[in-house]
Amino acid sequence: MVEIKTERYRGFVPLRLALFVLAGAALVTLVFWQMRIMDKRSELATLQTQIEIQNAKNEEIKKTVSSLENDYGLREYAERKAREDLDYAKPDERIFVDVGGSD
């Protein structure tokens, strides 16, 4: 009996290797983009929290301005803040400053 050796055709090995490499690259890319999406979602949540905080501050300022317009008047408030925070004075007003020590 004669033994016949048959060789397997190996022409598809480079193609299989290329497909394997391509699938690996696609997997790496997918994981990379998933990580970027997670980072951006986290950043979005942080920004939304900051927006909510700023909106609350804005509402508080609106309430303050509204109450000032009703109670004291905006002009009086501006004058008081200018005197206290900026050390302003009226044109003919004299301001005395105690430069002595507290001894």
N, C-alpha and C. Protein backbone atom coordinates (compact mmCIF):
# COMPACT_ATOMS: atom_id res chain seq x y z
N MET A 1 0.82 -1.16 0.00
CA MET A 1 0.00 0.00 0.00
C MET A 1 0.89 1.25 0.00
N VAL A 2 0.53 2.21 -0.78
CA VAL A 2 1.31 3.43 -0.96
C VAL A 2 0.67 4.53 -0.13
N GLU A 3 1.54 5.15 0.64
CA GLU A 3 1.05 6.24 1.47
C GLU A 3 1.16 7.54 0.69
N ILE A 4 0.08 8.27 0.69
CA ILE A 4 0.08 9.56 -0.01
C ILE A 4 0.04 10.64 1.05
N LYS A 5 1.03 11.47 0.99
CA LYS A 5 1.07 12.58 1.93
C LYS A 5 0.38 13.78 1.28
N THR A 6 -0.51 14.30 2.01
CA THR A 6 -1.17 15.50 1.49
C THR A 6 -0.78 16.68 2.37
N GLU A 7 -0.39 17.70 1.76
CA GLU A 7 -0.04 18.90 2.49
C GLU A 7 -1.26 19.80 2.57
N ARG A 8 -1.40 20.37 3.72
CA ARG A 8 -2.51 21.32 3.88
C ARG A 8 -2.15 22.62 3.20
N TYR A 9 -3.11 23.16 2.60
CA TYR A 9 -2.91 24.44 1.93
C TYR A 9 -2.85 25.53 2.98
N ARG A 10 -1.77 26.25 3.02
CA ARG A 10 -1.56 27.27 4.05
C ARG A 10 -1.66 28.68 3.48
N GLY A 11 -2.35 28.85 2.44
CA GLY A 11 -2.49 30.16 1.83
C GLY A 11 -3.33 31.12 2.65
N PHE A 12 -4.18 30.59 3.51
CA PHE A 12 -5.05 31.47 4.29
C PHE A 12 -4.43 31.90 5.62
N VAL A 13 -3.26 31.44 5.97
CA VAL A 13 -2.62 31.80 7.24
C VAL A 13 -2.36 33.30 7.32
N PRO A 14 -1.78 33.92 6.33
CA PRO A 14 -1.59 35.39 6.42
C PRO A 14 -2.92 36.14 6.53
N LEU A 15 -3.93 35.64 5.84
CA LEU A 15 -5.24 36.28 5.92
C LEU A 15 -5.81 36.13 7.32
N ARG A 16 -5.68 34.95 7.91
CA ARG A 16 -6.17 34.73 9.27
C ARG A 16 -5.41 35.61 10.26
N LEU A 17 -4.11 35.69 10.08
CA LEU A 17 -3.29 36.53 10.95
C LEU A 17 -3.71 38.00 10.83
N ALA A 18 -3.95 38.46 9.62
CA ALA A 18 -4.37 39.84 9.41
C ALA A 18 -5.73 40.10 10.07
N LEU A 19 -6.65 39.15 9.93
CA LEU A 19 -7.95 39.30 10.56
C LEU A 19 -7.84 39.30 12.09
N PHE A 20 -6.96 38.48 12.64
CA PHE A 20 -6.74 38.45 14.08
C PHE A 20 -6.18 39.77 14.58
N VAL A 21 -5.22 40.31 13.86
CA VAL A 21 -4.63 41.61 14.22
C VAL A 21 -5.68 42.71 14.13
N LEU A 22 -6.47 42.68 13.08
CA LEU A 22 -7.52 43.67 12.89
C LEU A 22 -8.56 43.60 14.02
N ALA A 23 -8.93 42.38 14.40
CA ALA A 23 -9.89 42.21 15.50
C ALA A 23 -9.29 42.71 16.82
N GLY A 24 -8.02 42.44 17.04
CA GLY A 24 -7.35 42.94 18.25
C GLY A 24 -7.31 44.47 18.28
N ALA A 25 -6.99 45.07 17.15
CA ALA A 25 -6.96 46.53 17.08
C ALA A 25 -8.34 47.12 17.31
N ALA A 26 -9.35 46.48 16.77
CA ALA A 26 -10.73 46.95 16.97
C ALA A 26 -11.10 46.85 18.45
N LEU A 27 -10.69 45.79 19.12
CA LEU A 27 -10.99 45.62 20.54
C LEU A 27 -10.29 46.70 21.37
N VAL A 28 -9.03 46.95 21.07
CA VAL A 28 -8.29 47.99 21.79
C VAL A 28 -8.94 49.35 21.58
N THR A 29 -9.33 49.64 20.36
CA THR A 29 -9.99 50.92 20.05
C THR A 29 -11.31 51.04 20.80
N LEU A 30 -12.07 49.96 20.84
CA LEU A 30 -13.35 49.96 21.53
C LEU A 30 -13.16 50.23 23.03
N VAL A 31 -12.18 49.58 23.63
CA VAL A 31 -11.91 49.80 25.06
C VAL A 31 -11.46 51.24 25.30
N PHE A 32 -10.62 51.77 24.42
CA PHE A 32 -10.15 53.16 24.55
C PHE A 32 -11.33 54.13 24.51
N TRP A 33 -12.22 53.96 23.55
CA TRP A 33 -13.36 54.88 23.42
C TRP A 33 -14.34 54.72 24.57
N GLN A 34 -14.50 53.53 25.10
CA GLN A 34 -15.36 53.33 26.26
C GLN A 34 -14.80 54.09 27.46
N MET A 35 -13.48 54.05 27.64
CA MET A 35 -12.85 54.79 28.73
C MET A 35 -13.03 56.29 28.54
N ARG A 36 -12.89 56.77 27.32
CA ARG A 36 -13.10 58.21 27.05
C ARG A 36 -14.54 58.60 27.34
N ILE A 37 -15.48 57.76 26.96
CA ILE A 37 -16.91 58.05 27.22
C ILE A 37 -17.16 58.12 28.71
N MET A 38 -16.59 57.21 29.48
CA MET A 38 -16.77 57.23 30.93
C MET A 38 -16.19 58.51 31.53
N ASP A 39 -15.00 58.91 31.06
CA ASP A 39 -14.39 60.15 31.55
C ASP A 39 -15.26 61.36 31.23
N LYS A 40 -15.78 61.42 30.03
CA LYS A 40 -16.61 62.55 29.62
C LYS A 40 -17.93 62.59 30.39
N ARG A 41 -18.49 61.42 30.69
CA ARG A 41 -19.72 61.38 31.48
C ARG A 41 -19.46 61.89 32.89
N SER A 42 -18.33 61.51 33.45
CA SER A 42 -17.95 62.00 34.77
C SER A 42 -17.76 63.51 34.76
N GLU A 43 -17.10 64.01 33.73
CA GLU A 43 -16.89 65.45 33.58
C GLU A 43 -18.24 66.17 33.43
N LEU A 44 -19.15 65.58 32.68
CA LEU A 44 -20.48 66.16 32.50
C LEU A 44 -21.23 66.24 33.82
N ALA A 45 -21.14 65.18 34.62
CA ALA A 45 -21.81 65.19 35.92
C ALA A 45 -21.25 66.28 36.82
N THR A 46 -19.93 66.45 36.80
CA THR A 46 -19.30 67.50 37.59
C THR A 46 -19.76 68.88 37.14
N LEU A 47 -19.81 69.09 35.83
CA LEU A 47 -20.25 70.38 35.30
C LEU A 47 -21.72 70.65 35.62
N GLN A 48 -22.54 69.62 35.56
CA GLN A 48 -23.96 69.80 35.89
C GLN A 48 -24.12 70.18 37.36
N THR A 49 -23.32 69.60 38.23
CA THR A 49 -23.35 69.95 39.65
C THR A 49 -22.93 71.41 39.84
N GLN A 50 -21.89 71.83 39.13
CA GLN A 50 -21.44 73.22 39.22
C GLN A 50 -22.51 74.18 38.70
N ILE A 51 -23.22 73.78 37.66
CA ILE A 51 -24.30 74.62 37.13
C ILE A 51 -25.41 74.76 38.16
N GLU A 52 -25.77 73.66 38.81
CA GLU A 52 -26.81 73.71 39.84
C GLU A 52 -26.40 74.62 40.99
N ILE A 53 -25.14 74.54 41.41
CA ILE A 53 -24.65 75.40 42.49
C ILE A 53 -24.71 76.86 42.06
N GLN A 54 -24.27 77.14 40.83
CA GLN A 54 -24.28 78.52 40.35
C GLN A 54 -25.70 79.05 40.20
N ASN A 55 -26.62 78.20 39.76
CA ASN A 55 -28.02 78.63 39.66
C ASN A 55 -28.58 78.96 41.03
N ALA A 56 -28.22 78.20 42.05
CA ALA A 56 -28.68 78.49 43.41
C ALA A 56 -28.11 79.82 43.89
N LYS A 57 -26.84 80.08 43.58
CA LYS A 57 -26.24 81.37 43.96
C LYS A 57 -26.93 82.52 43.23
N ASN A 58 -27.24 82.31 41.95
CA ASN A 58 -27.92 83.34 41.18
C ASN A 58 -29.29 83.65 41.77
N GLU A 59 -30.02 82.62 42.17
CA GLU A 59 -31.33 82.84 42.78
C GLU A 59 -31.20 83.61 44.08
N GLU A 60 -30.19 83.28 44.86
CA GLU A 60 -29.97 84.00 46.12
C GLU A 60 -29.67 85.47 45.86
N ILE A 61 -28.86 85.74 44.86
CA ILE A 61 -28.53 87.13 44.51
C ILE A 61 -29.78 87.86 44.02
N LYS A 62 -30.60 87.19 43.21
CA LYS A 62 -31.85 87.81 42.74
C LYS A 62 -32.76 88.17 43.91
N LYS A 63 -32.86 87.25 44.89
CA LYS A 63 -33.69 87.52 46.06
C LYS A 63 -33.13 88.70 46.85
N THR A 64 -31.81 88.77 46.98
CA THR A 64 -31.18 89.87 47.71
C THR A 64 -31.47 91.19 47.02
N VAL A 65 -31.30 91.23 45.71
CA VAL A 65 -31.54 92.46 44.95
C VAL A 65 -33.01 92.84 45.04
N SER A 66 -33.89 91.87 44.94
CA SER A 66 -35.32 92.15 45.04
C SER A 66 -35.68 92.72 46.41
N SER A 67 -35.13 92.14 47.46
CA SER A 67 -35.43 92.65 48.80
C SER A 67 -34.82 94.02 49.01
N LEU A 68 -33.66 94.28 48.42
CA LEU A 68 -33.04 95.60 48.55
C LEU A 68 -33.87 96.66 47.84
N GLU A 69 -34.40 96.32 46.70
CA GLU A 69 -35.22 97.27 45.97
C GLU A 69 -36.49 97.59 46.75
N ASN A 70 -37.01 96.60 47.47
CA ASN A 70 -38.24 96.79 48.22
C ASN A 70 -37.99 97.48 49.57
N ASP A 71 -36.95 97.09 50.29
CA ASP A 71 -36.75 97.58 51.65
C ASP A 71 -35.93 98.87 51.70
N TYR A 72 -34.70 98.81 51.26
CA TYR A 72 -33.80 99.94 51.44
C TYR A 72 -33.70 100.81 50.19
N GLY A 73 -33.85 100.21 49.11
CA GLY A 73 -33.59 100.90 47.85
C GLY A 73 -32.19 100.55 47.39
N LEU A 74 -32.06 100.40 46.13
CA LEU A 74 -30.78 99.97 45.57
C LEU A 74 -29.71 101.05 45.73
N ARG A 75 -30.10 102.29 45.68
CA ARG A 75 -29.13 103.37 45.79
C ARG A 75 -28.48 103.37 47.18
N GLU A 76 -29.30 103.22 48.20
CA GLU A 76 -28.76 103.21 49.56
C GLU A 76 -27.82 102.03 49.77
N TYR A 77 -28.19 100.91 49.21
CA TYR A 77 -27.33 99.72 49.32
C TYR A 77 -25.99 99.97 48.64
N ALA A 78 -26.04 100.56 47.44
CA ALA A 78 -24.80 100.84 46.71
C ALA A 78 -23.93 101.83 47.48
N GLU A 79 -24.55 102.84 48.08
CA GLU A 79 -23.79 103.81 48.87
C GLU A 79 -23.13 103.14 50.08
N ARG A 80 -23.88 102.29 50.76
CA ARG A 80 -23.34 101.61 51.94
C ARG A 80 -22.17 100.71 51.55
N LYS A 81 -22.32 99.94 50.46
CA LYS A 81 -21.23 99.07 50.02
C LYS A 81 -20.01 99.88 49.59
N ALA A 82 -20.24 101.03 48.93
CA ALA A 82 -19.12 101.87 48.51
C ALA A 82 -18.37 102.41 49.72
N ARG A 83 -19.09 102.78 50.76
CA ARG A 83 -18.45 103.29 51.97
C ARG A 83 -17.69 102.17 52.70
N GLU A 84 -18.34 101.03 52.87
CA GLU A 84 -17.75 99.96 53.67
C GLU A 84 -16.62 99.24 52.94
N ASP A 85 -16.84 98.88 51.71
CA ASP A 85 -15.87 98.03 51.00
C ASP A 85 -14.82 98.82 50.22
N LEU A 86 -15.21 99.96 49.68
CA LEU A 86 -14.29 100.70 48.80
C LEU A 86 -13.76 101.98 49.43
N ASP A 87 -14.20 102.30 50.65
CA ASP A 87 -13.78 103.52 51.36
C ASP A 87 -14.07 104.79 50.57
N TYR A 88 -15.21 104.85 49.92
CA TYR A 88 -15.63 106.05 49.21
C TYR A 88 -16.32 107.00 50.18
N ALA A 89 -16.40 108.25 49.76
CA ALA A 89 -17.10 109.26 50.55
C ALA A 89 -17.82 110.20 49.60
N LYS A 90 -18.79 110.95 50.16
CA LYS A 90 -19.49 111.95 49.35
C LYS A 90 -18.56 113.13 49.13
N PRO A 91 -18.83 113.97 48.11
CA PRO A 91 -17.89 115.05 47.77
C PRO A 91 -17.60 116.01 48.93
N ASP A 92 -18.54 116.45 49.71
CA ASP A 92 -18.30 117.43 50.78
C ASP A 92 -18.18 116.79 52.15
N GLU A 93 -18.04 115.50 52.21
CA GLU A 93 -18.01 114.77 53.47
C GLU A 93 -16.59 114.70 54.01
N ARG A 94 -16.46 114.92 55.32
CA ARG A 94 -15.16 114.79 55.98
C ARG A 94 -15.14 113.48 56.76
N ILE A 95 -14.09 112.75 56.57
CA ILE A 95 -13.94 111.48 57.27
C ILE A 95 -12.72 111.55 58.15
N PHE A 96 -12.90 111.23 59.43
CA PHE A 96 -11.81 111.24 60.37
C PHE A 96 -11.40 109.79 60.64
N VAL A 97 -10.09 109.58 60.58
CA VAL A 97 -9.55 108.24 60.79
C VAL A 97 -8.68 108.26 62.03
N ASP A 98 -8.95 107.38 62.94
CA ASP A 98 -8.17 107.28 64.17
C ASP A 98 -6.90 106.49 63.86
N VAL A 99 -5.77 107.19 63.88
CA VAL A 99 -4.50 106.54 63.58
C VAL A 99 -3.76 106.14 64.84
N GLY A 100 -4.31 106.47 65.99
CA GLY A 100 -3.69 106.13 67.26
C GLY A 100 -3.81 104.63 67.53
N GLY A 101 -2.92 104.17 68.34
CA GLY A 101 -2.94 102.77 68.72
C GLY A 101 -4.08 102.46 69.66
N SER A 102 -4.25 101.22 70.00
CA SER A 102 -5.31 100.80 70.91
C SER A 102 -4.79 100.68 72.33
N ASP A 103 -3.69 101.41 72.67
CA ASP A 103 -3.06 101.32 74.01
C ASP A 103 -3.93 101.93 75.03
